[in-house]
Amino acid sequence: MSRDPHGKLGNTELALAYELHTAGYNWHHIASGLGISVHYLRARIRQAERQGLR
């Protein structure tokens, strides 16, 4: 998964995070498992919802 301390998140990880959240997992647990901040994860999800995956 993401090893970048600043939270670089690829489309694969982003899609996985979204699927886990829709399955009932908490954003904090997902972000922790990916090694990124929950704020960055939620911002990337919002961006993907507006602009799509790139």
N, C-alpha and C. Protein backbone atom coordinates (compact mmCIF):
# COMPACT_ATOMS: atom_id res chain seq x y z
N MET A 1 0.83 -1.18 0.00
CA MET A 1 0.00 0.00 0.00
C MET A 1 0.88 1.25 0.00
N SER A 2 0.32 2.35 0.41
CA SER A 2 1.05 3.62 0.36
C SER A 2 2.17 3.66 1.39
N ARG A 3 3.39 3.95 0.91
CA ARG A 3 4.52 4.07 1.81
C ARG A 3 4.98 5.52 1.92
N ASP A 4 4.36 6.41 1.19
CA ASP A 4 4.72 7.83 1.21
C ASP A 4 4.17 8.47 2.48
N PRO A 5 5.04 9.05 3.31
CA PRO A 5 4.57 9.63 4.57
C PRO A 5 3.62 10.81 4.36
N HIS A 6 3.65 11.40 3.17
CA HIS A 6 2.77 12.53 2.91
C HIS A 6 1.41 12.08 2.41
N GLY A 7 1.23 10.80 2.20
CA GLY A 7 -0.08 10.28 1.87
C GLY A 7 -0.40 10.14 0.40
N LYS A 8 0.59 9.81 -0.43
CA LYS A 8 0.28 9.59 -1.84
C LYS A 8 -0.63 8.37 -1.94
N LEU A 9 -1.72 8.53 -2.66
CA LEU A 9 -2.74 7.49 -2.72
C LEU A 9 -3.11 7.24 -4.17
N GLY A 10 -2.86 6.02 -4.65
CA GLY A 10 -3.20 5.67 -6.02
C GLY A 10 -4.67 5.31 -6.17
N ASN A 11 -5.10 5.17 -7.42
CA ASN A 11 -6.50 4.86 -7.69
C ASN A 11 -6.91 3.51 -7.12
N THR A 12 -6.01 2.54 -7.11
CA THR A 12 -6.33 1.22 -6.57
C THR A 12 -6.64 1.32 -5.09
N GLU A 13 -5.78 2.01 -4.34
CA GLU A 13 -6.00 2.17 -2.90
C GLU A 13 -7.25 3.00 -2.63
N LEU A 14 -7.47 4.02 -3.47
CA LEU A 14 -8.65 4.87 -3.30
C LEU A 14 -9.93 4.07 -3.52
N ALA A 15 -9.95 3.24 -4.55
CA ALA A 15 -11.12 2.40 -4.82
C ALA A 15 -11.34 1.40 -3.69
N LEU A 16 -10.25 0.81 -3.20
CA LEU A 16 -10.35 -0.12 -2.08
C LEU A 16 -10.92 0.57 -0.85
N ALA A 17 -10.42 1.76 -0.55
CA ALA A 17 -10.90 2.51 0.61
C ALA A 17 -12.40 2.80 0.49
N TYR A 18 -12.83 3.19 -0.69
CA TYR A 18 -14.25 3.49 -0.90
C TYR A 18 -15.10 2.24 -0.72
N GLU A 19 -14.66 1.13 -1.28
CA GLU A 19 -15.38 -0.14 -1.13
C GLU A 19 -15.46 -0.57 0.33
N LEU A 20 -14.36 -0.44 1.05
CA LEU A 20 -14.37 -0.80 2.48
C LEU A 20 -15.33 0.09 3.26
N HIS A 21 -15.35 1.37 2.93
CA HIS A 21 -16.25 2.29 3.64
C HIS A 21 -17.71 1.94 3.36
N THR A 22 -18.03 1.63 2.11
CA THR A 22 -19.42 1.27 1.79
C THR A 22 -19.81 -0.06 2.43
N ALA A 23 -18.81 -0.89 2.76
CA ALA A 23 -19.07 -2.16 3.44
C ALA A 23 -19.20 -1.97 4.96
N GLY A 24 -19.00 -0.73 5.43
CA GLY A 24 -19.22 -0.46 6.84
C GLY A 24 -17.99 -0.16 7.66
N TYR A 25 -16.82 -0.16 7.04
CA TYR A 25 -15.60 0.14 7.79
C TYR A 25 -15.47 1.64 8.04
N ASN A 26 -14.84 1.98 9.15
CA ASN A 26 -14.64 3.37 9.56
C ASN A 26 -13.48 3.98 8.78
N TRP A 27 -13.64 5.26 8.39
CA TRP A 27 -12.58 5.96 7.66
C TRP A 27 -11.25 5.93 8.41
N HIS A 28 -11.29 6.05 9.73
CA HIS A 28 -10.06 6.07 10.53
C HIS A 28 -9.32 4.73 10.43
N HIS A 29 -10.06 3.64 10.48
CA HIS A 29 -9.43 2.32 10.36
C HIS A 29 -8.85 2.10 8.97
N ILE A 30 -9.56 2.55 7.96
CA ILE A 30 -9.08 2.40 6.58
C ILE A 30 -7.80 3.20 6.37
N ALA A 31 -7.82 4.46 6.81
CA ALA A 31 -6.64 5.33 6.66
C ALA A 31 -5.45 4.76 7.40
N SER A 32 -5.69 4.24 8.59
CA SER A 32 -4.60 3.65 9.37
C SER A 32 -3.99 2.46 8.63
N GLY A 33 -4.83 1.63 8.06
CA GLY A 33 -4.35 0.47 7.32
C GLY A 33 -3.56 0.84 6.07
N LEU A 34 -3.91 1.97 5.47
CA LEU A 34 -3.21 2.44 4.27
C LEU A 34 -1.98 3.26 4.62
N GLY A 35 -1.85 3.64 5.88
CA GLY A 35 -0.70 4.42 6.31
C GLY A 35 -0.78 5.89 5.92
N ILE A 36 -2.00 6.43 5.86
CA ILE A 36 -2.20 7.83 5.51
C ILE A 36 -3.10 8.49 6.53
N SER A 37 -3.20 9.81 6.46
CA SER A 37 -4.08 10.51 7.40
C SER A 37 -5.53 10.40 6.94
N VAL A 38 -6.44 10.37 7.89
CA VAL A 38 -7.86 10.27 7.57
C VAL A 38 -8.33 11.52 6.82
N HIS A 39 -7.74 12.66 7.14
CA HIS A 39 -8.14 13.91 6.47
C HIS A 39 -7.76 13.86 4.98
N TYR A 40 -6.57 13.35 4.70
CA TYR A 40 -6.14 13.23 3.31
C TYR A 40 -7.02 12.23 2.57
N LEU A 41 -7.33 11.11 3.19
CA LEU A 41 -8.17 10.09 2.56
C LEU A 41 -9.54 10.65 2.21
N ARG A 42 -10.16 11.32 3.14
CA ARG A 42 -11.50 11.86 2.89
C ARG A 42 -11.47 12.96 1.82
N ALA A 43 -10.41 13.76 1.81
CA ALA A 43 -10.27 14.80 0.78
C ALA A 43 -10.13 14.16 -0.60
N ARG A 44 -9.34 13.08 -0.70
CA ARG A 44 -9.17 12.39 -1.99
C ARG A 44 -10.47 11.72 -2.44
N ILE A 45 -11.24 11.18 -1.49
CA ILE A 45 -12.53 10.58 -1.83
C ILE A 45 -13.46 11.65 -2.39
N ARG A 46 -13.54 12.80 -1.71
CA ARG A 46 -14.39 13.90 -2.19
C ARG A 46 -13.96 14.35 -3.58
N GLN A 47 -12.65 14.46 -3.80
CA GLN A 47 -12.12 14.86 -5.10
C GLN A 47 -12.52 13.85 -6.17
N ALA A 48 -12.40 12.57 -5.87
CA ALA A 48 -12.76 11.52 -6.83
C ALA A 48 -14.26 11.53 -7.12
N GLU A 49 -15.07 11.85 -6.12
CA GLU A 49 -16.51 11.92 -6.34
C GLU A 49 -16.86 13.07 -7.29
N ARG A 50 -16.12 14.18 -7.18
CA ARG A 50 -16.37 15.34 -8.04
C ARG A 50 -15.78 15.17 -9.44
N GLN A 51 -14.55 14.66 -9.50
CA GLN A 51 -13.81 14.66 -10.76
C GLN A 51 -13.61 13.28 -11.37
N GLY A 52 -13.91 12.24 -10.64
CA GLY A 52 -13.65 10.88 -11.11
C GLY A 52 -12.22 10.47 -10.82
N LEU A 53 -11.92 9.20 -11.01
CA LEU A 53 -10.56 8.70 -10.80
C LEU A 53 -9.69 9.08 -11.99
N ARG A 54 -8.46 9.49 -11.69
CA ARG A 54 -7.53 9.88 -12.77
C ARG A 54 -6.27 9.10 -12.66
